[in-house]
Amino acid sequence: MSLRARLEKARQAQHEQQGNGGQAKAGQPVAAGAAAARSGQGQVPLYMPAQTQDRVLRVLDSARLGGRTAAVQPEPSPPVPREDPYAALKEKIHERLVKEIDKELLRKTDSPADRQKLASEVEAVASRVLDEEPLPLMRSERAQVISEVLDDVLGFGPITPLLEDDSVTEIMVNGPDKVYVERDGRIERARVSFRSADHVMHIIERIVSPLGRRIDEASPMVDARLPDGSRVNAIIPPVSLVGPCITIRKFAREPFTIDDLVRFGTLTREMAQFLEACVKARLNIVVSGGTGSGKTTTLNVLSSFIPHDERIVTIEDAAELQLRQEHVVTLEARPPNLEGKGAITIRDLVRNALRMRPDRIVVGEVRSGEALDMLQAMNTGHDGSLTTGHANSPRDMLARLETMVLMAGMDLPLRAIREQISSAVDLIVHQARLRDGSRKVTHLTEVQGMEGDVITMQDIYVFEQTGVDEQGRVIGRFKATGIRPKFLERFEAMGIPVPQGMFADFL
């Protein structure tokens, strides 16, 4: 008799005994069940709790393929960071560093010469401590300990190797013991950890201090950036209940180009040519999408099409745009000081930028009342402006713009706000992060104007998903709707060629 039949027979007998008032204890053989099991070709009784029997039956059901039982592979458990065997040794080295190295030298890490000098001093102290150990380490172990100490002193501690790993796009520190990374759009646990919550706090302070920002119990959240432009958010207790948390959105060492996005499958060559023409024709463009959908990367790529002879003013919460033009002025918002004064908001910077004779205004992201000032700038001769915003679709982006304008505190009628939006915004580039981790430009949508009280829109290109393959990758294609946008007249007026068939769907 098969294992499945024996299990079902034993379970049936067990239920009958319990129905007669018997109490069958989990994990002990049931007399009737054992007898029923033995009746199957002299098999031995099954000593299994009911929960275990359920699990075995589910496995047999899921593994049975064409009448044959397939081998069931257990799900791999997430990697757990190993215990650091050199923690005490590194602690001893740190104590010696504090005693033997000048504090001024520890603070001077701005110039490459200072960093090189400090690295030499740290390596010398670490080598002396290791030489004093009764049990000498192998050469590879010595190199590892010294490297990790250097990361603590000059870098960002255990996450330094992750920052240097080009395959990692995001780093998430959930307290001292849990560090996760994103690779190829998938989140996995990293094999590193911090010594303690104080160690995480030390790294956070090292990130925010050079920017003149602070984080403490009175101000437990902060946005910052790394020297390479990577975006950083940190949050600490009492707001975070799991300990200090760090989230780092890494950017490529070299900014992505439009050719990179085409190669990644984010958009097609025809869509890339169309977007380049839109930027050169000085259309006002809003890049919308969800968190992590690649809005900032796309904004970087779009800004690369701006001619080099134009003056560009960029405005951001934390400066992360990587423009390659020469004539760029970068403005960054500032949080309030300890007294709660001195804050400079995005809205303040947008208003100030209008007095700086900009050819283009690029706002990293609009979140609230600055949307009104941005729309006014677009409507008052500052064509070709670019910005991003969070939304689930192009239509939702317009609704969010309405809400953000109302957040400015102006008592404007809804129709007036919609007229401002419809006349200011020319094109919405909507980007999404799909279930397989890939990022696609799912809509290129023209804002055409008003019909009654409704803003009219027209899709020019869309991404059409048709399914998912065996590896879980999204299957689909980019599709031109066949409709020519109304602003093509501006292309012609500025001498920008439009290739034949750019808006035709040949598939």
Protein backbone atom coordinates (compact mmCIF):
# COMPACT_ATOMS: atom_id res chain seq x y z
CA MET A 1 0.00 0.00 0.00
CA SER A 2 1.29 3.49 -0.86
CA LEU A 3 2.29 6.04 1.77
CA ARG A 4 -0.63 8.23 0.81
CA ALA A 5 -3.18 5.41 1.20
CA ARG A 6 -1.72 4.41 4.57
CA LEU A 7 -1.89 8.00 5.81
CA GLU A 8 -5.51 8.42 4.76
CA LYS A 9 -6.50 5.06 6.32
CA ALA A 10 -4.76 5.91 9.60
CA ARG A 11 -6.41 9.36 9.68
CA GLN A 12 -9.86 7.85 9.07
CA ALA A 13 -9.39 5.37 11.91
CA GLN A 14 -8.13 8.16 14.19
CA HIS A 15 -11.23 10.26 13.49
CA GLU A 16 -13.47 7.26 14.23
CA GLN A 17 -11.77 6.66 17.60
CA GLN A 18 -12.04 10.36 18.54
CA GLY A 19 -15.70 10.29 17.54
CA ASN A 20 -16.22 7.43 20.02
CA GLY A 21 -14.88 9.52 22.87
CA GLY A 22 -11.27 8.46 22.62
CA GLN A 23 -8.49 11.03 23.11
CA ALA A 24 -5.64 10.45 20.65
CA LYS A 25 -2.51 12.33 21.60
CA ALA A 26 -0.47 13.93 18.83
CA GLY A 27 2.76 12.09 18.10
CA GLN A 28 1.57 8.75 19.61
CA PRO A 29 0.37 5.77 17.52
CA VAL A 30 -3.37 5.36 17.41
CA ALA A 31 -4.44 1.74 17.98
CA ALA A 32 -7.11 1.68 15.30
CA GLY A 33 -4.94 3.71 12.96
CA ALA A 34 -2.03 1.37 13.54
CA ALA A 35 -4.18 -1.67 12.84
CA ALA A 36 -5.51 -0.06 9.69
CA ALA A 37 -2.01 0.84 8.60
CA ARG A 38 -0.75 -2.68 9.29
CA SER A 39 -3.45 -4.11 7.09
CA GLY A 40 -1.76 -2.55 4.11
CA GLN A 41 0.63 -5.31 3.06
CA GLY A 42 2.07 -5.76 6.56
CA GLN A 43 3.30 -2.17 6.79
CA VAL A 44 4.41 -0.77 10.14
CA PRO A 45 2.23 1.85 11.87
CA LEU A 46 2.74 5.54 11.14
CA TYR A 47 3.98 7.53 14.14
CA MET A 48 3.00 11.05 12.89
CA PRO A 49 1.10 13.94 14.45
CA ALA A 50 -1.95 15.12 12.54
CA GLN A 51 -0.16 18.32 11.46
CA THR A 52 2.71 16.30 10.02
CA GLN A 53 0.27 14.05 8.18
CA ASP A 54 -1.39 17.12 6.61
CA ARG A 55 1.97 18.44 5.48
CA VAL A 56 3.00 15.09 3.93
CA LEU A 57 -0.32 14.83 2.09
CA ARG A 58 0.06 18.37 0.71
CA VAL A 59 3.59 17.59 -0.46
CA LEU A 60 2.41 14.40 -2.16
CA ASP A 61 -0.39 16.30 -3.92
CA SER A 62 1.90 19.07 -5.15
CA ALA A 63 4.71 16.72 -6.20
CA ARG A 64 2.65 14.15 -8.12
CA LEU A 65 3.30 14.69 -11.84
CA GLY A 66 1.69 12.38 -14.38
CA GLY A 67 1.20 9.60 -11.82
CA ARG A 68 4.84 9.76 -10.74
CA THR A 69 6.14 11.37 -7.56
CA ALA A 70 8.74 14.08 -8.18
CA ALA A 71 11.50 14.94 -5.75
CA VAL A 72 10.50 18.01 -3.75
CA GLN A 73 13.29 20.47 -3.24
CA PRO A 74 13.10 22.36 0.06
CA GLU A 75 12.92 26.13 -0.23
CA PRO A 76 16.32 27.70 0.40
CA SER A 77 16.40 29.58 3.67
CA PRO A 78 17.66 33.16 3.58
CA PRO A 79 21.34 33.51 4.43
CA VAL A 80 22.00 34.42 8.03
CA PRO A 81 24.98 36.65 8.76
CA ARG A 82 27.73 34.64 10.36
CA GLU A 83 29.09 35.56 13.75
CA ASP A 84 32.16 37.74 13.34
CA PRO A 85 35.07 35.70 14.73
CA TYR A 86 37.27 38.81 14.76
CA ALA A 87 34.85 41.14 16.61
CA ALA A 88 36.94 41.26 19.82
CA LEU A 89 40.12 41.74 17.82
CA LYS A 90 38.67 44.63 15.83
CA GLU A 91 37.38 46.20 19.04
CA LYS A 92 40.91 46.08 20.43
CA ILE A 93 42.26 47.73 17.28
CA HIS A 94 39.67 50.51 17.53
CA GLU A 95 40.68 51.20 21.14
CA ARG A 96 44.32 51.48 20.10
CA LEU A 97 43.40 53.79 17.22
CA VAL A 98 41.71 56.19 19.61
CA LYS A 99 44.81 56.23 21.82
CA GLU A 100 47.55 56.38 19.19
CA ILE A 101 46.16 58.44 16.29
CA ASP A 102 45.70 62.19 16.45
CA LYS A 103 42.01 63.12 16.61
CA GLU A 104 42.51 65.88 14.05
CA LEU A 105 43.82 63.32 11.59
CA LEU A 106 40.73 61.15 12.20
CA ARG A 107 38.51 64.11 11.31
CA LYS A 108 40.38 65.11 8.16
CA THR A 109 39.10 62.74 5.50
CA ASP A 110 38.09 65.22 2.80
CA SER A 111 41.14 65.28 0.56
CA PRO A 112 42.67 62.15 -1.01
CA ALA A 113 46.04 62.98 0.59
CA ASP A 114 44.50 63.08 4.10
CA ARG A 115 42.66 59.83 3.50
CA GLN A 116 45.82 58.13 2.27
CA LYS A 117 47.79 59.33 5.29
CA LEU A 118 45.06 58.17 7.70
CA ALA A 119 44.84 54.80 5.95
CA SER A 120 48.59 54.29 6.39
CA GLU A 121 48.38 55.14 10.10
CA VAL A 122 45.41 52.82 10.65
CA GLU A 123 47.10 49.97 8.83
CA ALA A 124 50.27 50.41 10.91
CA VAL A 125 48.35 50.38 14.23
CA ALA A 126 46.27 47.38 13.15
CA SER A 127 49.40 45.46 12.14
CA ARG A 128 51.03 46.11 15.53
CA VAL A 129 47.95 44.85 17.38
CA LEU A 130 47.81 41.72 15.23
CA ASP A 131 51.52 41.07 15.82
CA GLU A 132 50.89 41.09 19.57
CA GLU A 133 48.28 38.34 19.34
CA PRO A 134 49.43 35.00 20.85
CA LEU A 135 47.82 33.06 17.98
CA PRO A 136 48.98 34.55 14.68
CA LEU A 137 46.48 34.90 11.85
CA MET A 138 47.00 33.72 8.31
CA ARG A 139 47.86 36.35 5.73
CA SER A 140 44.35 36.32 4.23
CA GLU A 141 42.78 36.72 7.68
CA ARG A 142 45.07 39.63 8.53
CA ALA A 143 44.17 41.33 5.26
CA GLN A 144 40.46 40.82 5.95
CA VAL A 145 40.65 42.28 9.47
CA ILE A 146 42.67 45.30 8.32
CA SER A 147 40.28 45.87 5.39
CA GLU A 148 37.23 45.80 7.66
CA VAL A 149 38.86 48.20 10.13
CA LEU A 150 39.68 50.57 7.25
CA ASP A 151 36.05 50.37 6.12
CA ASP A 152 34.96 51.38 9.62
CA VAL A 153 37.39 54.29 9.84
CA LEU A 154 37.32 55.62 6.27
CA GLY A 155 34.22 54.09 4.71
CA PHE A 156 30.73 53.16 5.84
CA GLY A 157 31.42 50.06 7.89
CA PRO A 158 30.04 46.64 6.87
CA ILE A 159 28.02 48.06 3.97
CA THR A 160 31.12 49.44 2.20
CA PRO A 161 31.57 46.29 0.05
CA LEU A 162 27.88 46.50 -0.89
CA LEU A 163 28.30 50.11 -1.97
CA GLU A 164 31.21 49.06 -4.16
CA ASP A 165 29.25 46.17 -5.70
CA ASP A 166 27.83 47.40 -9.01
CA SER A 167 25.20 44.64 -9.05
CA VAL A 168 23.56 46.08 -5.90
CA THR A 169 21.02 48.83 -6.59
CA GLU A 170 19.58 49.32 -3.11
CA ILE A 171 20.77 48.68 0.45
CA MET A 172 18.34 48.40 3.37
CA VAL A 173 19.60 48.24 6.97
CA ASN A 174 16.86 47.17 9.41
CA GLY A 175 18.70 47.55 12.69
CA PRO A 176 22.16 46.15 13.38
CA ASP A 177 21.45 42.49 12.52
CA LYS A 178 19.43 42.61 9.30
CA VAL A 179 20.86 44.01 6.07
CA TYR A 180 19.07 43.48 2.75
CA VAL A 181 20.07 44.36 -0.81
CA GLU A 182 18.30 44.57 -4.14
CA ARG A 183 19.86 42.83 -7.14
CA ASP A 184 18.17 42.65 -10.53
CA GLY A 185 14.97 43.93 -9.00
CA ARG A 186 14.86 41.18 -6.32
CA ILE A 187 15.45 41.68 -2.59
CA GLU A 188 17.79 39.29 -0.76
CA ARG A 189 19.47 39.23 2.63
CA ALA A 190 23.14 40.19 2.75
CA ARG A 191 25.75 38.27 4.74
CA VAL A 192 26.87 41.29 6.74
CA SER A 193 25.81 42.85 10.02
CA PHE A 194 26.75 45.67 12.36
CA ARG A 195 28.26 45.20 15.81
CA SER A 196 25.47 47.09 17.58
CA ALA A 197 22.89 49.84 17.22
CA ASP A 198 25.59 52.35 18.19
CA HIS A 199 27.67 51.14 15.25
CA VAL A 200 24.74 51.88 12.88
CA MET A 201 24.30 55.32 14.48
CA HIS A 202 27.99 56.04 13.94
CA ILE A 203 27.67 55.29 10.22
CA ILE A 204 24.54 57.47 9.95
CA GLU A 205 26.39 60.37 11.61
CA ARG A 206 29.27 59.92 9.18
CA ILE A 207 26.84 60.21 6.25
CA VAL A 208 24.86 63.25 7.40
CA SER A 209 27.51 65.32 9.20
CA PRO A 210 29.39 66.52 6.07
CA LEU A 211 26.08 67.81 4.68
CA GLY A 212 25.36 69.96 7.71
CA ARG A 213 22.34 67.84 8.65
CA ARG A 214 21.54 66.27 11.98
CA ILE A 215 19.67 63.28 13.35
CA ASP A 216 18.70 62.76 16.99
CA GLU A 217 15.65 62.01 19.12
CA ALA A 218 14.27 65.50 18.44
CA SER A 219 14.71 65.02 14.67
CA PRO A 220 14.76 61.23 14.12
CA MET A 221 14.46 61.27 10.30
CA VAL A 222 16.84 62.66 7.70
CA ASP A 223 17.37 62.63 3.93
CA ALA A 224 20.95 62.82 2.73
CA ARG A 225 23.26 61.71 -0.07
CA LEU A 226 26.58 59.93 -0.42
CA PRO A 227 29.56 61.54 -2.16
CA ASP A 228 28.67 59.67 -5.37
CA GLY A 229 25.14 61.08 -5.35
CA SER A 230 23.38 57.99 -3.99
CA ARG A 231 20.19 58.82 -2.09
CA VAL A 232 20.11 58.07 1.66
CA ASN A 233 17.25 58.01 4.14
CA ALA A 234 17.82 57.29 7.83
CA ILE A 235 15.35 56.88 10.68
CA ILE A 236 16.18 56.08 14.30
CA PRO A 237 14.41 55.30 17.60
CA PRO A 238 12.00 56.23 19.10
CA VAL A 239 10.27 56.39 15.72
CA SER A 240 11.86 53.13 14.50
CA LEU A 241 11.13 50.21 16.82
CA VAL A 242 13.72 47.88 15.27
CA GLY A 243 16.68 50.19 15.81
CA PRO A 244 18.43 52.62 13.47
CA CYS A 245 17.48 52.02 9.83
CA ILE A 246 19.26 53.14 6.67
CA THR A 247 17.95 52.97 3.11
CA ILE A 248 20.39 53.74 0.29
CA ARG A 249 19.28 54.06 -3.34
CA LYS A 250 22.46 53.60 -5.35
CA PHE A 251 23.10 55.22 -8.69
CA ALA A 252 25.39 53.99 -11.41
CA ARG A 253 28.98 55.20 -11.28
CA GLU A 254 28.48 56.55 -14.79
CA PRO A 255 25.00 58.01 -15.44
CA PHE A 256 22.85 55.86 -17.68
CA THR A 257 22.33 57.05 -21.23
CA ILE A 258 19.31 56.61 -23.47
CA ASP A 259 21.16 53.74 -25.18
CA ASP A 260 21.41 51.98 -21.80
CA LEU A 261 17.64 52.29 -21.25
CA VAL A 262 16.98 50.88 -24.71
CA ARG A 263 19.35 48.00 -24.00
CA PHE A 264 17.63 47.31 -20.65
CA GLY A 265 14.26 47.17 -22.42
CA THR A 266 12.89 50.20 -20.55
CA LEU A 267 11.72 51.70 -23.87
CA THR A 268 12.23 51.29 -27.61
CA ARG A 269 14.52 53.17 -29.98
CA GLU A 270 11.53 54.97 -31.52
CA MET A 271 10.33 56.11 -28.09
CA ALA A 272 13.87 57.31 -27.30
CA GLN A 273 14.00 59.39 -30.49
CA PHE A 274 10.58 60.84 -29.70
CA LEU A 275 11.61 61.84 -26.15
CA GLU A 276 14.82 63.44 -27.40
CA ALA A 277 12.79 65.49 -29.87
CA CYS A 278 10.36 66.53 -27.09
CA VAL A 279 13.19 67.83 -24.88
CA LYS A 280 14.85 69.72 -27.75
CA ALA A 281 11.46 71.21 -28.71
CA ARG A 282 11.21 72.60 -25.15
CA LEU A 283 8.10 70.69 -24.10
CA ASN A 284 7.23 70.69 -20.41
CA ILE A 285 7.55 67.08 -19.24
CA VAL A 286 6.45 65.35 -16.02
CA VAL A 287 7.92 61.90 -15.22
CA SER A 288 5.48 59.94 -13.06
CA GLY A 289 5.65 56.53 -11.42
CA GLY A 290 5.75 54.65 -8.15
CA THR A 291 8.58 54.34 -5.64
CA GLY A 292 11.63 52.66 -7.16
CA SER A 293 10.24 52.78 -10.69
CA GLY A 294 13.26 54.67 -12.04
CA LYS A 295 11.87 58.23 -12.28
CA THR A 296 15.13 59.94 -11.30
CA THR A 297 17.13 57.83 -13.76
CA THR A 298 14.73 58.73 -16.55
CA LEU A 299 14.86 62.41 -15.54
CA ASN A 300 18.67 62.24 -15.71
CA VAL A 301 18.48 60.76 -19.20
CA LEU A 302 15.97 63.36 -20.39
CA SER A 303 18.10 66.19 -19.04
CA SER A 304 21.04 64.89 -21.08
CA PHE A 305 19.20 66.03 -24.22
CA ILE A 306 19.21 69.68 -23.10
CA PRO A 307 21.61 71.65 -25.33
CA HIS A 308 24.92 72.63 -23.72
CA ASP A 309 24.44 76.34 -24.42
CA GLU A 310 21.41 76.63 -22.08
CA ARG A 311 21.43 77.64 -18.42
CA ILE A 312 19.92 74.92 -16.21
CA VAL A 313 18.78 75.34 -12.61
CA THR A 314 18.14 72.09 -10.69
CA ILE A 315 16.16 72.02 -7.45
CA GLU A 316 16.10 69.00 -5.12
CA ASP A 317 15.59 67.90 -1.53
CA ALA A 318 18.92 66.07 -1.63
CA ALA A 319 21.03 66.74 -4.71
CA GLU A 320 21.23 63.53 -6.74
CA LEU A 321 20.80 64.55 -10.38
CA GLN A 322 23.93 63.99 -12.46
CA LEU A 323 23.81 66.52 -15.28
CA ARG A 324 26.76 66.57 -17.67
CA GLN A 325 26.19 70.08 -19.07
CA GLU A 326 28.61 72.83 -18.09
CA HIS A 327 26.17 75.64 -17.24
CA VAL A 328 24.27 74.06 -14.32
CA VAL A 329 23.27 75.64 -11.01
CA THR A 330 22.35 73.07 -8.34
CA LEU A 331 20.06 74.15 -5.48
CA GLU A 332 19.27 71.99 -2.46
CA ALA A 333 16.56 72.41 0.17
CA ARG A 334 17.58 72.83 3.80
CA PRO A 335 15.82 71.51 6.92
CA PRO A 336 15.27 73.74 9.98
CA ASN A 337 18.03 74.17 12.57
CA LEU A 338 17.88 73.27 16.27
CA GLU A 339 15.63 76.25 16.98
CA GLY A 340 13.24 75.20 14.23
CA LYS A 341 14.24 78.12 12.02
CA GLY A 342 16.12 78.60 8.78
CA ALA A 343 14.31 76.00 6.69
CA ILE A 344 14.53 76.50 2.91
CA THR A 345 11.81 74.57 1.09
CA ILE A 346 11.57 73.41 -2.51
CA ARG A 347 8.90 76.06 -3.02
CA ASP A 348 11.27 78.81 -1.85
CA LEU A 349 13.91 77.57 -4.29
CA VAL A 350 11.48 77.40 -7.23
CA ARG A 351 10.45 81.01 -6.64
CA ASN A 352 14.09 82.06 -6.35
CA ALA A 353 15.05 80.15 -9.49
CA LEU A 354 12.71 82.35 -11.53
CA ARG A 355 15.01 85.30 -10.74
CA MET A 356 18.15 83.46 -11.85
CA ARG A 357 17.53 83.73 -15.61
CA PRO A 358 17.08 79.98 -16.18
CA ASP A 359 16.58 78.50 -19.63
CA ARG A 360 15.39 75.29 -18.00
CA ILE A 361 14.16 74.50 -14.50
CA VAL A 362 14.55 70.88 -13.39
CA VAL A 363 12.81 69.97 -10.11
CA GLY A 364 13.81 66.58 -8.68
CA GLU A 365 10.31 65.89 -7.35
CA VAL A 366 7.18 67.89 -6.58
CA ARG A 367 5.40 66.78 -3.41
CA SER A 368 3.27 69.70 -2.20
CA GLY A 369 2.75 73.42 -2.71
CA GLU A 370 5.77 73.85 -4.98
CA ALA A 371 3.62 72.32 -7.75
CA LEU A 372 1.79 75.66 -8.06
CA ASP A 373 5.03 77.59 -8.50
CA MET A 374 6.29 75.00 -10.97
CA LEU A 375 3.13 75.29 -13.07
CA GLN A 376 3.36 79.07 -13.01
CA ALA A 377 6.98 78.88 -14.18
CA MET A 378 5.95 76.58 -17.04
CA ASN A 379 3.20 79.02 -17.99
CA THR A 380 5.36 82.16 -17.85
CA GLY A 381 8.01 81.54 -20.47
CA HIS A 382 10.12 78.81 -18.83
CA ASP A 383 9.39 76.18 -21.45
CA GLY A 384 11.26 72.91 -21.42
CA SER A 385 11.03 72.41 -17.67
CA LEU A 386 11.23 68.89 -16.24
CA THR A 387 10.04 67.35 -12.97
CA THR A 388 8.88 64.07 -11.42
CA GLY A 389 6.02 63.00 -9.19
CA HIS A 390 4.58 59.89 -7.56
CA ALA A 391 1.50 58.47 -9.26
CA ASN A 392 0.02 55.17 -10.45
CA SER A 393 -0.93 56.36 -13.93
CA PRO A 394 -0.79 59.49 -16.11
CA ARG A 395 -4.37 60.40 -15.13
CA ASP A 396 -3.52 59.96 -11.46
CA MET A 397 -0.54 62.29 -11.96
CA LEU A 398 -2.86 65.10 -13.03
CA ALA A 399 -5.12 64.44 -10.03
CA ARG A 400 -2.09 64.56 -7.74
CA LEU A 401 -0.99 67.87 -9.28
CA GLU A 402 -4.42 69.28 -8.47
CA THR A 403 -4.10 68.13 -4.87
CA MET A 404 -0.57 69.53 -4.55
CA VAL A 405 -1.66 72.92 -5.88
CA LEU A 406 -4.40 73.02 -3.24
CA MET A 407 -1.72 72.25 -0.62
CA ALA A 408 -0.12 75.62 -1.47
CA GLY A 409 -2.89 77.24 0.58
CA MET A 410 -4.37 79.17 -2.33
CA ASP A 411 -8.16 79.15 -2.50
CA LEU A 412 -8.35 78.52 -6.23
CA PRO A 413 -11.36 77.04 -8.03
CA LEU A 414 -10.77 73.56 -9.40
CA ARG A 415 -11.37 74.62 -12.99
CA ALA A 416 -8.68 77.31 -12.75
CA ILE A 417 -6.21 74.73 -11.42
CA ARG A 418 -7.02 72.32 -14.24
CA GLU A 419 -6.61 75.06 -16.84
CA GLN A 420 -3.17 75.83 -15.38
CA ILE A 421 -2.19 72.14 -15.56
CA SER A 422 -3.53 71.58 -19.09
CA SER A 423 -1.73 74.63 -20.48
CA ALA A 424 1.54 74.00 -18.58
CA VAL A 425 2.16 70.25 -18.97
CA ASP A 426 2.71 68.92 -22.50
CA LEU A 427 3.80 65.31 -21.92
CA ILE A 428 3.65 62.75 -19.13
CA VAL A 429 6.24 59.94 -19.13
CA HIS A 430 4.87 57.22 -16.88
CA GLN A 431 7.24 54.54 -15.62
CA ALA A 432 6.46 51.40 -13.64
CA ARG A 433 8.35 48.68 -11.87
CA LEU A 434 6.83 45.36 -12.90
CA ARG A 435 6.45 42.22 -10.80
CA ASP A 436 9.70 40.72 -12.14
CA GLY A 437 11.68 43.79 -11.02
CA SER A 438 12.07 45.24 -14.52
CA ARG A 439 11.32 48.89 -15.15
CA LYS A 440 9.35 49.98 -18.20
CA VAL A 441 8.06 53.27 -19.61
CA THR A 442 4.45 52.12 -19.78
CA HIS A 443 2.90 55.35 -21.13
CA LEU A 444 3.94 58.37 -23.15
CA THR A 445 0.84 60.51 -22.85
CA GLU A 446 0.09 63.90 -24.38
CA VAL A 447 -1.91 66.44 -22.35
CA GLN A 448 -4.13 67.96 -25.03
CA GLY A 449 -6.23 70.57 -23.23
CA MET A 450 -9.65 70.99 -21.66
CA GLU A 451 -13.04 69.71 -22.68
CA GLY A 452 -15.56 71.22 -20.32
CA ASP A 453 -14.14 70.65 -16.83
CA VAL A 454 -12.05 67.61 -17.79
CA ILE A 455 -8.41 67.58 -18.89
CA THR A 456 -8.12 65.55 -22.08
CA MET A 457 -5.18 63.18 -22.61
CA GLN A 458 -4.03 60.90 -25.40
CA ASP A 459 -1.63 57.96 -25.20
CA ILE A 460 1.08 58.04 -27.87
CA TYR A 461 3.04 54.93 -26.83
CA VAL A 462 2.01 52.26 -24.33
CA PHE A 463 3.51 49.02 -22.98
CA GLU A 464 1.13 46.10 -23.40
CA GLN A 465 1.75 43.14 -21.08
CA THR A 466 0.68 39.78 -22.50
CA GLY A 467 1.80 37.33 -19.81
CA VAL A 468 4.63 35.91 -17.73
CA ASP A 469 7.18 33.28 -18.83
CA GLU A 470 8.38 30.21 -16.88
CA GLN A 471 11.11 32.24 -15.12
CA GLY A 472 8.58 34.80 -13.90
CA ARG A 473 9.67 37.45 -16.40
CA VAL A 474 7.02 39.76 -17.78
CA ILE A 475 6.19 39.27 -21.46
CA GLY A 476 4.88 42.20 -23.46
CA ARG A 477 5.60 44.74 -26.16
CA PHE A 478 5.72 48.47 -26.69
CA LYS A 479 2.99 49.69 -28.96
CA ALA A 480 2.41 52.97 -30.80
CA THR A 481 -1.25 53.98 -30.70
CA GLY A 482 -1.04 55.43 -34.23
CA ILE A 483 -2.14 58.90 -33.11
CA ARG A 484 0.10 61.86 -33.96
CA PRO A 485 0.44 64.32 -31.06
CA LYS A 486 -0.78 67.89 -31.52
CA PHE A 487 2.57 69.39 -30.51
CA LEU A 488 4.26 68.07 -33.67
CA GLU A 489 3.80 71.60 -35.03
CA ARG A 490 6.44 72.75 -32.55
CA PHE A 491 8.84 70.11 -33.85
CA GLU A 492 8.41 71.45 -37.37
CA ALA A 493 8.75 75.09 -36.26
CA MET A 494 12.09 74.30 -34.57
CA GLY A 495 13.38 72.19 -37.46
CA ILE A 496 13.33 68.92 -35.56
CA PRO A 497 12.83 66.03 -37.99
CA VAL A 498 10.17 63.42 -37.34
CA PRO A 499 11.01 60.03 -38.90
CA GLN A 500 8.34 58.43 -41.07
CA GLY A 501 6.36 55.77 -39.22
CA MET A 502 7.40 56.96 -35.74
CA PHE A 503 3.76 56.74 -34.57
CA ALA A 504 2.77 53.62 -36.52
CA ASP A 505 2.46 50.18 -34.93
CA PHE A 506 3.89 47.66 -37.38
CA LEU A 507 3.21 44.56 -35.30
